[in-house]
Every structure is written in C-alpha cells, then in structure tokens.
N, C-alpha and C. Protein backbone atom coordinates (compact mmCIF):
# COMPACT_ATOMS: atom_id res chain seq x y z
N MET A 1 89.68 116.79 81.30
CA MET A 1 90.65 115.99 82.06
C MET A 1 90.34 114.51 81.88
N THR A 2 91.35 113.70 81.63
CA THR A 2 91.14 112.29 81.40
C THR A 2 90.76 111.57 82.69
N LEU A 3 90.15 110.38 82.50
CA LEU A 3 89.79 109.57 83.67
C LEU A 3 91.03 109.24 84.49
N ILE A 4 92.13 108.88 83.82
CA ILE A 4 93.35 108.53 84.54
C ILE A 4 93.82 109.69 85.40
N ARG A 5 93.83 110.88 84.82
CA ARG A 5 94.30 112.05 85.56
C ARG A 5 93.38 112.35 86.74
N ARG A 6 92.08 112.22 86.54
CA ARG A 6 91.13 112.47 87.63
C ARG A 6 91.34 111.47 88.76
N LEU A 7 91.52 110.21 88.40
CA LEU A 7 91.73 109.19 89.43
C LEU A 7 93.00 109.45 90.21
N PHE A 8 94.07 109.77 89.48
CA PHE A 8 95.34 110.03 90.14
C PHE A 8 95.24 111.21 91.09
N LEU A 9 94.67 112.30 90.64
CA LEU A 9 94.56 113.49 91.48
C LEU A 9 93.68 113.23 92.70
N SER A 10 92.69 112.36 92.53
CA SER A 10 91.81 112.10 93.66
C SER A 10 92.53 111.36 94.79
N LEU A 11 93.59 110.64 94.47
CA LEU A 11 94.34 109.93 95.51
C LEU A 11 95.22 110.87 96.32
N MET A 12 95.82 111.86 95.65
CA MET A 12 96.66 112.86 96.31
C MET A 12 97.73 112.22 97.18
N LEU A 13 98.48 111.30 96.58
CA LEU A 13 99.54 110.61 97.31
C LEU A 13 100.89 111.15 96.87
N ALA A 14 101.85 111.14 97.79
CA ALA A 14 103.23 111.49 97.44
C ALA A 14 103.95 110.24 96.96
N LEU A 15 104.81 110.38 95.98
CA LEU A 15 105.57 109.26 95.47
C LEU A 15 106.54 108.77 96.54
N PRO A 16 106.52 107.47 96.88
CA PRO A 16 107.42 106.96 97.90
C PRO A 16 108.85 106.90 97.39
N LEU A 17 109.79 106.94 98.33
CA LEU A 17 111.19 106.82 97.97
C LEU A 17 111.50 105.40 97.59
N THR A 18 112.27 105.20 96.52
CA THR A 18 112.73 103.88 96.13
C THR A 18 114.20 103.97 95.79
N GLY A 19 114.82 102.81 95.70
CA GLY A 19 116.24 102.77 95.39
C GLY A 19 117.05 102.86 96.66
N GLY A 20 118.36 102.62 96.55
CA GLY A 20 119.22 102.66 97.71
C GLY A 20 119.31 101.31 98.39
N ALA A 21 120.03 101.29 99.49
CA ALA A 21 120.28 100.03 100.17
C ALA A 21 119.04 99.56 100.91
N VAL A 22 118.85 98.26 100.93
CA VAL A 22 117.78 97.65 101.69
C VAL A 22 118.32 97.25 103.05
N THR A 23 117.67 97.72 104.10
CA THR A 23 118.15 97.43 105.44
C THR A 23 117.41 96.24 106.03
N ALA A 24 118.00 95.63 107.04
CA ALA A 24 117.37 94.48 107.69
C ALA A 24 116.11 94.92 108.40
N ALA A 25 115.13 94.03 108.43
CA ALA A 25 113.88 94.33 109.12
C ALA A 25 113.47 93.12 109.93
N LEU A 26 112.87 93.37 111.07
CA LEU A 26 112.41 92.31 111.94
C LEU A 26 110.89 92.27 111.93
N ALA A 27 110.34 91.20 112.50
CA ALA A 27 108.90 90.98 112.43
C ALA A 27 108.10 92.14 113.02
N ASP A 28 108.60 92.78 114.07
CA ASP A 28 107.86 93.86 114.70
C ASP A 28 107.69 95.05 113.77
N ASP A 29 108.51 95.15 112.72
CA ASP A 29 108.43 96.27 111.80
C ASP A 29 107.35 96.09 110.73
N VAL A 30 106.84 94.88 110.55
CA VAL A 30 105.91 94.58 109.48
C VAL A 30 104.50 94.46 110.05
N PRO A 31 103.56 95.28 109.56
CA PRO A 31 102.20 95.22 110.10
C PRO A 31 101.57 93.85 109.92
N ALA A 32 100.75 93.47 110.89
CA ALA A 32 100.05 92.19 110.83
C ALA A 32 99.09 92.17 109.65
N VAL A 33 98.80 90.99 109.18
CA VAL A 33 97.85 90.80 108.09
C VAL A 33 96.44 91.10 108.60
N THR A 34 95.69 91.87 107.83
CA THR A 34 94.33 92.23 108.21
C THR A 34 93.36 91.88 107.08
N ALA A 35 92.09 92.13 107.33
CA ALA A 35 91.06 91.84 106.33
C ALA A 35 91.21 92.72 105.09
N ARG A 36 91.93 93.83 105.21
CA ARG A 36 92.11 94.73 104.07
C ARG A 36 93.19 94.23 103.11
N ASP A 37 94.01 93.31 103.55
CA ASP A 37 95.06 92.78 102.69
C ASP A 37 94.47 91.86 101.63
N ARG A 38 95.18 91.75 100.51
CA ARG A 38 94.83 90.80 99.46
C ARG A 38 95.74 89.59 99.64
N VAL A 39 95.12 88.43 99.84
CA VAL A 39 95.85 87.24 100.29
C VAL A 39 95.44 86.04 99.46
N ILE A 40 96.41 85.16 99.17
CA ILE A 40 96.09 83.83 98.67
C ILE A 40 96.74 82.82 99.61
N GLY A 41 96.06 81.71 99.81
CA GLY A 41 96.58 80.68 100.70
C GLY A 41 95.77 80.57 101.98
N ARG A 42 96.03 79.52 102.72
CA ARG A 42 95.29 79.25 103.94
C ARG A 42 95.63 80.25 105.03
N ALA A 43 94.61 80.66 105.76
CA ALA A 43 94.84 81.61 106.86
C ALA A 43 95.71 81.02 107.94
N ASP A 44 95.69 79.69 108.09
CA ASP A 44 96.49 79.05 109.13
C ASP A 44 97.80 78.47 108.60
N ALA A 45 98.24 78.92 107.43
CA ALA A 45 99.51 78.44 106.89
C ALA A 45 100.63 78.78 107.87
N PRO A 46 101.61 77.91 108.04
CA PRO A 46 102.67 78.16 109.04
C PRO A 46 103.62 79.29 108.69
N VAL A 47 103.68 79.66 107.41
CA VAL A 47 104.58 80.73 106.98
C VAL A 47 103.78 81.78 106.22
N THR A 48 104.03 83.04 106.57
CA THR A 48 103.41 84.17 105.86
C THR A 48 104.49 84.89 105.07
N VAL A 49 104.26 85.04 103.77
CA VAL A 49 105.15 85.80 102.90
C VAL A 49 104.41 87.05 102.46
N ILE A 50 105.00 88.21 102.70
CA ILE A 50 104.41 89.49 102.31
C ILE A 50 105.25 90.09 101.20
N GLU A 51 104.61 90.45 100.10
CA GLU A 51 105.30 91.09 98.98
C GLU A 51 104.88 92.55 98.89
N TYR A 52 105.85 93.44 98.80
CA TYR A 52 105.60 94.84 98.46
C TYR A 52 106.02 95.03 97.01
N ALA A 53 105.09 95.49 96.18
CA ALA A 53 105.36 95.57 94.75
C ALA A 53 104.66 96.78 94.14
N SER A 54 105.08 97.08 92.91
CA SER A 54 104.50 98.19 92.14
C SER A 54 104.09 97.68 90.78
N PHE A 55 102.94 98.12 90.32
CA PHE A 55 102.44 97.67 89.03
C PHE A 55 103.20 98.27 87.85
N THR A 56 104.07 99.25 88.09
CA THR A 56 104.91 99.79 87.02
C THR A 56 106.35 99.29 87.11
N CYS A 57 106.61 98.39 88.02
CA CYS A 57 107.96 97.83 88.21
C CYS A 57 108.12 96.60 87.31
N SER A 58 109.09 96.64 86.40
CA SER A 58 109.27 95.53 85.47
C SER A 58 109.69 94.25 86.19
N HIS A 59 110.51 94.39 87.26
CA HIS A 59 110.91 93.20 88.01
C HIS A 59 109.72 92.58 88.73
N CYS A 60 108.78 93.42 89.18
CA CYS A 60 107.56 92.91 89.82
C CYS A 60 106.72 92.14 88.80
N ALA A 61 106.62 92.68 87.60
CA ALA A 61 105.87 91.99 86.54
C ALA A 61 106.51 90.66 86.21
N ASP A 62 107.84 90.65 86.12
CA ASP A 62 108.55 89.40 85.84
C ASP A 62 108.27 88.37 86.93
N TRP A 63 108.31 88.81 88.20
CA TRP A 63 108.07 87.88 89.30
C TRP A 63 106.64 87.34 89.24
N TYR A 64 105.69 88.25 89.04
CA TYR A 64 104.28 87.83 89.03
C TYR A 64 104.00 86.88 87.86
N ASN A 65 104.51 87.22 86.69
CA ASN A 65 104.21 86.43 85.50
C ASN A 65 105.01 85.13 85.42
N ASP A 66 106.28 85.18 85.85
CA ASP A 66 107.17 84.05 85.60
C ASP A 66 107.45 83.19 86.83
N VAL A 67 107.44 83.79 88.03
CA VAL A 67 107.81 83.05 89.23
C VAL A 67 106.59 82.64 90.04
N LEU A 68 105.60 83.51 90.13
CA LEU A 68 104.44 83.23 90.98
C LEU A 68 103.76 81.90 90.67
N PRO A 69 103.55 81.51 89.41
CA PRO A 69 102.87 80.23 89.18
C PRO A 69 103.57 79.06 89.86
N ALA A 70 104.90 78.99 89.74
CA ALA A 70 105.63 77.90 90.38
C ALA A 70 105.64 78.07 91.90
N PHE A 71 105.79 79.30 92.38
CA PHE A 71 105.77 79.57 93.82
C PHE A 71 104.42 79.15 94.40
N LYS A 72 103.35 79.51 93.73
CA LYS A 72 102.00 79.18 94.21
C LYS A 72 101.81 77.66 94.26
N ALA A 73 102.21 76.98 93.20
CA ALA A 73 102.03 75.53 93.18
C ALA A 73 102.85 74.84 94.27
N ARG A 74 104.04 75.34 94.51
CA ARG A 74 104.95 74.69 95.45
C ARG A 74 104.63 75.00 96.91
N PHE A 75 104.19 76.23 97.18
CA PHE A 75 104.06 76.64 98.58
C PHE A 75 102.64 77.02 98.99
N VAL A 76 101.92 77.73 98.14
CA VAL A 76 100.58 78.19 98.52
C VAL A 76 99.56 77.07 98.41
N ASP A 77 99.54 76.40 97.26
CA ASP A 77 98.55 75.35 97.03
C ASP A 77 98.75 74.14 97.94
N THR A 78 99.96 73.99 98.48
CA THR A 78 100.24 72.89 99.40
C THR A 78 99.98 73.25 100.85
N GLY A 79 99.55 74.48 101.10
CA GLY A 79 99.21 74.90 102.46
C GLY A 79 100.38 75.36 103.30
N LYS A 80 101.56 75.47 102.70
CA LYS A 80 102.74 75.88 103.47
C LYS A 80 102.82 77.39 103.68
N VAL A 81 102.29 78.17 102.72
CA VAL A 81 102.49 79.62 102.73
C VAL A 81 101.18 80.36 102.49
N ARG A 82 101.04 81.43 103.24
CA ARG A 82 100.01 82.44 102.95
C ARG A 82 100.74 83.62 102.33
N LEU A 83 100.36 83.99 101.10
CA LEU A 83 101.04 85.05 100.36
C LEU A 83 100.18 86.31 100.37
N VAL A 84 100.78 87.41 100.85
CA VAL A 84 100.08 88.68 101.02
C VAL A 84 100.65 89.69 100.03
N PHE A 85 99.78 90.39 99.30
CA PHE A 85 100.19 91.38 98.32
C PHE A 85 99.93 92.78 98.86
N ARG A 86 100.99 93.62 98.88
CA ARG A 86 100.85 95.01 99.32
C ARG A 86 101.51 95.94 98.31
N ASN A 87 101.05 97.19 98.30
CA ASN A 87 101.49 98.17 97.30
C ASN A 87 102.63 99.05 97.80
N LEU A 88 103.61 99.27 96.93
CA LEU A 88 104.61 100.32 97.12
C LEU A 88 104.81 100.96 95.74
N PRO A 89 103.93 101.90 95.35
CA PRO A 89 104.00 102.48 94.00
C PRO A 89 105.34 103.15 93.73
N THR A 90 105.83 102.97 92.51
CA THR A 90 107.10 103.55 92.07
C THR A 90 106.84 104.42 90.85
N SER A 91 107.89 104.99 90.32
CA SER A 91 107.78 105.86 89.15
C SER A 91 107.35 105.04 87.91
N PRO A 92 106.57 105.64 87.01
CA PRO A 92 105.95 106.97 87.04
C PRO A 92 104.73 107.00 87.97
N ALA A 93 104.70 107.99 88.83
CA ALA A 93 103.74 108.05 89.93
C ALA A 93 102.29 108.01 89.46
N GLU A 94 101.96 108.76 88.43
CA GLU A 94 100.56 108.83 88.00
C GLU A 94 100.04 107.46 87.60
N LEU A 95 100.89 106.69 86.91
CA LEU A 95 100.47 105.37 86.47
C LEU A 95 100.45 104.37 87.63
N ALA A 96 101.52 104.36 88.43
CA ALA A 96 101.63 103.37 89.49
C ALA A 96 100.56 103.54 90.55
N MET A 97 100.29 104.77 90.94
CA MET A 97 99.31 105.00 92.00
C MET A 97 97.90 104.71 91.52
N THR A 98 97.61 105.08 90.28
CA THR A 98 96.28 104.80 89.74
C THR A 98 96.07 103.29 89.63
N ALA A 99 97.09 102.57 89.15
CA ALA A 99 96.98 101.12 89.06
C ALA A 99 96.77 100.50 90.44
N ALA A 100 97.54 100.97 91.43
CA ALA A 100 97.38 100.46 92.79
C ALA A 100 95.99 100.73 93.32
N GLY A 101 95.45 101.91 93.01
CA GLY A 101 94.10 102.23 93.44
C GLY A 101 93.06 101.33 92.80
N ILE A 102 93.21 101.05 91.51
CA ILE A 102 92.27 100.15 90.83
C ILE A 102 92.31 98.78 91.46
N ALA A 103 93.52 98.28 91.73
CA ALA A 103 93.64 96.96 92.35
C ALA A 103 93.01 96.94 93.74
N ARG A 104 93.24 98.01 94.51
CA ARG A 104 92.66 98.08 95.86
C ARG A 104 91.14 98.14 95.80
N CYS A 105 90.59 98.79 94.77
CA CYS A 105 89.14 98.93 94.66
C CYS A 105 88.46 97.67 94.17
N ALA A 106 89.21 96.76 93.59
CA ALA A 106 88.62 95.53 93.07
C ALA A 106 88.08 94.67 94.20
N PRO A 107 86.98 93.96 93.97
CA PRO A 107 86.52 92.99 94.98
C PRO A 107 87.63 92.00 95.29
N ALA A 108 87.67 91.53 96.51
CA ALA A 108 88.76 90.64 96.92
C ALA A 108 88.90 89.43 96.01
N ASP A 109 87.77 88.88 95.56
CA ASP A 109 87.84 87.70 94.71
C ASP A 109 88.22 88.01 93.27
N ARG A 110 88.37 89.30 92.93
CA ARG A 110 88.79 89.69 91.59
C ARG A 110 90.18 90.33 91.59
N TYR A 111 90.82 90.41 92.76
CA TYR A 111 92.12 91.08 92.84
C TYR A 111 93.14 90.42 91.93
N GLN A 112 93.23 89.10 91.96
CA GLN A 112 94.23 88.42 91.15
C GLN A 112 94.00 88.64 89.66
N ALA A 113 92.75 88.71 89.24
CA ALA A 113 92.45 88.98 87.84
C ALA A 113 92.92 90.38 87.45
N VAL A 114 92.70 91.35 88.35
CA VAL A 114 93.13 92.73 88.09
C VAL A 114 94.66 92.82 88.08
N ALA A 115 95.30 92.24 89.09
CA ALA A 115 96.76 92.27 89.16
C ALA A 115 97.37 91.60 87.93
N GLY A 116 96.82 90.47 87.55
CA GLY A 116 97.32 89.78 86.38
C GLY A 116 97.19 90.61 85.12
N SER A 117 96.07 91.29 84.97
CA SER A 117 95.86 92.16 83.82
C SER A 117 96.89 93.29 83.80
N LEU A 118 97.14 93.91 84.94
CA LEU A 118 98.09 95.02 85.02
C LEU A 118 99.52 94.55 84.73
N TYR A 119 99.91 93.42 85.29
CA TYR A 119 101.28 92.96 85.06
C TYR A 119 101.48 92.43 83.63
N ARG A 120 100.49 91.72 83.11
CA ARG A 120 100.63 91.22 81.75
C ARG A 120 100.62 92.35 80.72
N GLY A 121 99.90 93.42 81.03
CA GLY A 121 99.79 94.53 80.10
C GLY A 121 100.83 95.62 80.31
N GLN A 122 101.72 95.43 81.29
CA GLN A 122 102.66 96.49 81.64
C GLN A 122 103.56 96.88 80.47
N ALA A 123 104.14 95.91 79.79
CA ALA A 123 105.07 96.21 78.70
C ALA A 123 104.37 96.98 77.58
N ALA A 124 103.15 96.57 77.24
CA ALA A 124 102.41 97.26 76.19
C ALA A 124 102.08 98.68 76.61
N MET A 125 101.74 98.87 77.90
CA MET A 125 101.45 100.21 78.40
C MET A 125 102.69 101.09 78.29
N MET A 126 103.84 100.58 78.70
CA MET A 126 105.07 101.36 78.63
C MET A 126 105.45 101.70 77.19
N ALA A 127 104.99 100.89 76.26
CA ALA A 127 105.27 101.13 74.84
C ALA A 127 104.24 102.06 74.21
N GLY A 128 103.30 102.55 75.01
CA GLY A 128 102.33 103.51 74.50
C GLY A 128 100.91 103.00 74.41
N GLY A 129 100.67 101.79 74.89
CA GLY A 129 99.31 101.25 74.87
C GLY A 129 98.35 102.10 75.69
N ARG A 130 97.11 102.13 75.28
CA ARG A 130 96.13 103.02 75.91
C ARG A 130 95.02 102.31 76.67
N THR A 131 95.07 100.97 76.77
CA THR A 131 93.96 100.25 77.39
C THR A 131 94.33 99.60 78.72
N TRP A 132 95.48 99.96 79.27
CA TRP A 132 95.97 99.31 80.48
C TRP A 132 94.97 99.41 81.63
N PHE A 133 94.52 100.61 81.91
CA PHE A 133 93.58 100.79 83.02
C PHE A 133 92.21 100.22 82.69
N SER A 134 91.71 100.46 81.49
CA SER A 134 90.38 99.96 81.14
C SER A 134 90.35 98.44 81.15
N ASP A 135 91.45 97.80 80.72
CA ASP A 135 91.51 96.34 80.76
C ASP A 135 91.47 95.84 82.21
N ALA A 136 92.20 96.53 83.11
CA ALA A 136 92.21 96.11 84.51
C ALA A 136 90.85 96.32 85.16
N ILE A 137 90.20 97.42 84.85
CA ILE A 137 88.86 97.68 85.39
C ILE A 137 87.89 96.59 84.93
N ALA A 138 87.99 96.23 83.66
CA ALA A 138 87.12 95.17 83.13
C ALA A 138 87.42 93.83 83.79
N ALA A 139 88.72 93.56 84.04
CA ALA A 139 89.09 92.30 84.69
C ALA A 139 88.50 92.20 86.09
N GLY A 140 88.27 93.34 86.72
CA GLY A 140 87.67 93.36 88.05
C GLY A 140 86.17 93.42 88.04
N ASP A 141 85.58 93.30 86.84
CA ASP A 141 84.11 93.41 86.69
C ASP A 141 83.59 94.70 87.30
N MET A 142 84.36 95.80 87.08
CA MET A 142 83.97 97.10 87.61
C MET A 142 83.69 98.07 86.46
N THR A 143 82.99 99.13 86.75
CA THR A 143 82.74 100.19 85.79
C THR A 143 83.60 101.40 86.15
N ASN A 144 83.75 102.32 85.20
CA ASN A 144 84.48 103.56 85.48
C ASN A 144 83.82 104.31 86.62
N ALA A 145 82.50 104.32 86.65
CA ALA A 145 81.78 105.03 87.71
C ALA A 145 82.08 104.42 89.07
N GLU A 146 82.13 103.10 89.13
CA GLU A 146 82.44 102.44 90.41
C GLU A 146 83.85 102.76 90.86
N ILE A 147 84.78 102.80 89.91
CA ILE A 147 86.17 103.13 90.26
C ILE A 147 86.26 104.57 90.76
N GLU A 148 85.60 105.49 90.09
CA GLU A 148 85.66 106.89 90.53
C GLU A 148 85.07 107.04 91.93
N THR A 149 83.98 106.32 92.21
CA THR A 149 83.39 106.38 93.54
C THR A 149 84.35 105.83 94.58
N CYS A 150 85.01 104.72 94.25
CA CYS A 150 85.97 104.12 95.18
C CYS A 150 87.15 105.06 95.42
N PHE A 151 87.65 105.71 94.38
CA PHE A 151 88.78 106.61 94.54
C PHE A 151 88.40 107.85 95.35
N ALA A 152 87.15 108.23 95.29
CA ALA A 152 86.70 109.39 96.07
C ALA A 152 86.53 109.06 97.54
N ASP A 153 86.49 107.77 97.87
CA ASP A 153 86.36 107.34 99.26
C ASP A 153 87.69 107.54 99.97
N PRO A 154 87.74 108.32 101.06
CA PRO A 154 89.02 108.57 101.75
C PRO A 154 89.74 107.32 102.20
N THR A 155 89.00 106.22 102.43
CA THR A 155 89.66 105.01 102.91
C THR A 155 90.55 104.40 101.82
N THR A 156 90.29 104.71 100.56
CA THR A 156 91.13 104.18 99.49
C THR A 156 92.53 104.79 99.56
N SER A 157 92.59 106.11 99.62
CA SER A 157 93.90 106.76 99.69
C SER A 157 94.57 106.49 101.03
N SER A 158 93.80 106.45 102.11
CA SER A 158 94.43 106.20 103.41
C SER A 158 95.00 104.79 103.48
N GLY A 159 94.32 103.84 102.84
CA GLY A 159 94.83 102.48 102.82
C GLY A 159 96.14 102.38 102.06
N LEU A 160 96.23 103.07 100.91
CA LEU A 160 97.47 103.07 100.15
C LEU A 160 98.58 103.79 100.90
N GLN A 161 98.25 104.90 101.53
CA GLN A 161 99.24 105.62 102.31
C GLN A 161 99.78 104.75 103.44
N ALA A 162 98.89 103.98 104.08
CA ALA A 162 99.32 103.11 105.17
C ALA A 162 100.29 102.04 104.67
N GLU A 163 100.02 101.48 103.49
CA GLU A 163 100.91 100.47 102.93
C GLU A 163 102.29 101.07 102.62
N ILE A 164 102.30 102.28 102.07
CA ILE A 164 103.56 102.94 101.73
C ILE A 164 104.36 103.24 102.99
N ARG A 165 103.70 103.81 104.00
CA ARG A 165 104.40 104.14 105.25
C ARG A 165 104.95 102.87 105.91
N ALA A 166 104.15 101.80 105.89
CA ALA A 166 104.59 100.55 106.52
C ALA A 166 105.80 99.98 105.80
N ALA A 167 105.79 100.03 104.47
CA ALA A 167 106.93 99.52 103.70
C ALA A 167 108.19 100.31 104.02
N GLN A 168 108.08 101.61 104.06
CA GLN A 168 109.25 102.45 104.34
C GLN A 168 109.74 102.22 105.77
N ALA A 169 108.82 102.09 106.72
CA ALA A 169 109.22 101.86 108.11
C ALA A 169 109.92 100.51 108.27
N ALA A 170 109.57 99.55 107.43
CA ALA A 170 110.16 98.22 107.52
C ALA A 170 111.47 98.12 106.75
N GLY A 171 111.90 99.20 106.13
CA GLY A 171 113.18 99.19 105.45
C GLY A 171 113.14 98.86 103.98
N VAL A 172 111.94 98.84 103.39
CA VAL A 172 111.83 98.53 101.97
C VAL A 172 112.26 99.75 101.15
N ARG A 173 113.18 99.53 100.23
CA ARG A 173 113.66 100.62 99.38
C ARG A 173 113.59 100.27 97.90
N GLY A 174 113.02 99.13 97.59
CA GLY A 174 112.90 98.73 96.19
C GLY A 174 111.82 97.69 96.05
N THR A 175 111.39 97.45 94.82
CA THR A 175 110.36 96.46 94.55
C THR A 175 110.84 95.50 93.48
N PRO A 176 110.41 94.22 93.57
CA PRO A 176 109.60 93.67 94.66
C PRO A 176 110.46 93.36 95.87
N SER A 177 109.87 93.47 97.05
CA SER A 177 110.52 93.10 98.30
C SER A 177 109.64 92.10 99.03
N PHE A 178 110.27 91.11 99.64
CA PHE A 178 109.54 90.03 100.29
C PHE A 178 109.96 89.87 101.75
N PHE A 179 108.97 89.66 102.60
CA PHE A 179 109.20 89.33 104.00
C PHE A 179 108.70 87.91 104.23
N VAL A 180 109.53 87.08 104.83
CA VAL A 180 109.15 85.72 105.18
C VAL A 180 109.03 85.65 106.70
N ASN A 181 107.81 85.47 107.18
CA ASN A 181 107.53 85.53 108.63
C ASN A 181 108.18 86.76 109.25
N GLY A 182 108.06 87.89 108.56
CA GLY A 182 108.48 89.16 109.11
C GLY A 182 109.91 89.57 108.82
N ARG A 183 110.69 88.70 108.19
CA ARG A 183 112.09 89.04 107.93
C ARG A 183 112.29 89.33 106.46
N LEU A 184 112.89 90.50 106.19
CA LEU A 184 113.11 90.93 104.81
C LEU A 184 114.15 90.06 104.13
N GLN A 185 113.81 89.58 102.95
CA GLN A 185 114.72 88.74 102.17
C GLN A 185 115.38 89.57 101.07
N PRO A 186 116.68 89.48 100.91
CA PRO A 186 117.39 90.34 99.96
C PRO A 186 117.24 89.91 98.51
N ASP A 187 116.77 88.69 98.27
CA ASP A 187 116.73 88.15 96.92
C ASP A 187 115.35 87.56 96.66
N PRO A 188 114.65 88.00 95.61
CA PRO A 188 113.31 87.49 95.35
C PRO A 188 113.26 86.19 94.55
N SER A 189 114.41 85.57 94.31
CA SER A 189 114.40 84.34 93.53
C SER A 189 113.68 83.25 94.31
N ILE A 190 113.10 82.31 93.58
CA ILE A 190 112.34 81.26 94.24
C ILE A 190 113.25 80.39 95.10
N GLU A 191 114.52 80.26 94.72
CA GLU A 191 115.44 79.44 95.52
C GLU A 191 115.70 80.08 96.88
N THR A 192 115.95 81.41 96.89
CA THR A 192 116.19 82.10 98.15
C THR A 192 114.95 82.11 99.02
N LEU A 193 113.80 82.38 98.41
CA LEU A 193 112.56 82.39 99.18
C LEU A 193 112.26 80.99 99.72
N ALA A 194 112.53 79.95 98.93
CA ALA A 194 112.28 78.58 99.39
C ALA A 194 113.14 78.28 100.61
N ALA A 195 114.39 78.67 100.59
CA ALA A 195 115.26 78.43 101.73
C ALA A 195 114.76 79.15 102.98
N ALA A 196 114.30 80.40 102.80
CA ALA A 196 113.79 81.16 103.94
C ALA A 196 112.50 80.55 104.46
N ILE A 197 111.66 80.07 103.56
CA ILE A 197 110.40 79.43 103.97
C ILE A 197 110.68 78.16 104.75
N GLU A 198 111.59 77.34 104.26
CA GLU A 198 111.91 76.10 104.96
C GLU A 198 112.51 76.39 106.34
N ALA A 199 113.33 77.43 106.43
CA ALA A 199 113.93 77.79 107.72
C ALA A 199 112.89 78.32 108.69
N ALA A 200 111.86 78.99 108.16
CA ALA A 200 110.84 79.58 109.02
C ALA A 200 109.76 78.61 109.44
N ALA A 201 109.60 77.55 108.68
CA ALA A 201 108.53 76.60 108.97
C ALA A 201 108.78 75.89 110.29
N PRO A 202 107.73 75.68 111.08
CA PRO A 202 107.91 75.00 112.38
C PRO A 202 108.26 73.53 112.19
C-alpha cells in the first residue's frame, strides 16, 4: 500500500458536500479563531477574513497564487486584516484530504511553505505528477515518519472534521469561500473583498 493511500485511510473522513447555492451566513455561524487555526496578520487586526479552501480546487490555487500576494500586501501587512486559513476538502477525496492533513501537520511557521508548495504543484499533480505530497512534506521540513505519526493522532482527523462541519454549518457549498468579520462573501475577487473589509472596519 502506498504512503498516500495509508495516510488517506488513516484519516477516515467523509467527502464533504460541495456545489450548489451558497446561503447567507452570520457571524454566529462561524467558529471563533483559535490556536489551532493557521493565521497570518496581527491578532488585534480590526477585520478577520476566514478562507475555506481545498488544495485540489483550481480556483483556490488561482486565488492563493495570483491574488493572495496583493491581498497580503494591501491588507495583512498593513495591519488591517487577520487572514485565517481553514480546510474544506473537495474531490478527488483521497488527494484533497491527504493534502489537508499534511498542511495541518506542518509546524505553524511552515504552514505557508506547505500550502504554497501544494497550490503551486497542483496543476502538475493533476497532470500526473508524482511528487506533490513529497514536495509538500519537504517544504514543511517534515519526514514521512513524522507525517504518519501525525495522521495516526486522532486530533488530526478530528480537527479536519471540525473544519468541515463548521464550513457546512456556516453555509459554505464551494471553495474558495471567504467570511469577512463573520459574513460570507459571494465573490472572492480582491475588489469585492476590499469593499467588504472597508465596510467592516471600525
């Protein structure tokens, strides 16, 4: 059995529902940010933006690779926004869930390196590339043994399950989806998010 298959089976997660209409969500529907979240930006930033994304979602890769640098420079680096990354794995389940698990297992200070590796390598993986997971593990300065140990820890799967349940409860039906101070935004473009951020800022 391959490492990928072993890791996927160890998570034992059900594929979340995606697609369909996105419903409105209010702040009470979105779980508060905790120490388990992967975050960039100041903890006391006046606006919190939460992204639910999948490492096998091409639109998520486009946002991370093409939009995030400008978003970060404009809002995160200036102290206006705290950006929170959460998982909502999509099809194909074996790949998405394993990638989400690798990212969750990465040390907090290596999460962005792992996420960047997964998103930059997504197209090559979909075209048949074989180093997607190993590249991400290396980006996190982790070994296969460390990843297997992390995946065997029940808190890894329970953490992913909690993110999936929270996304579904908040009305998320597709990726990427963004909440600005708890309110779901229908459009992930930087212009729409900027307008919502400005409206939410005190």
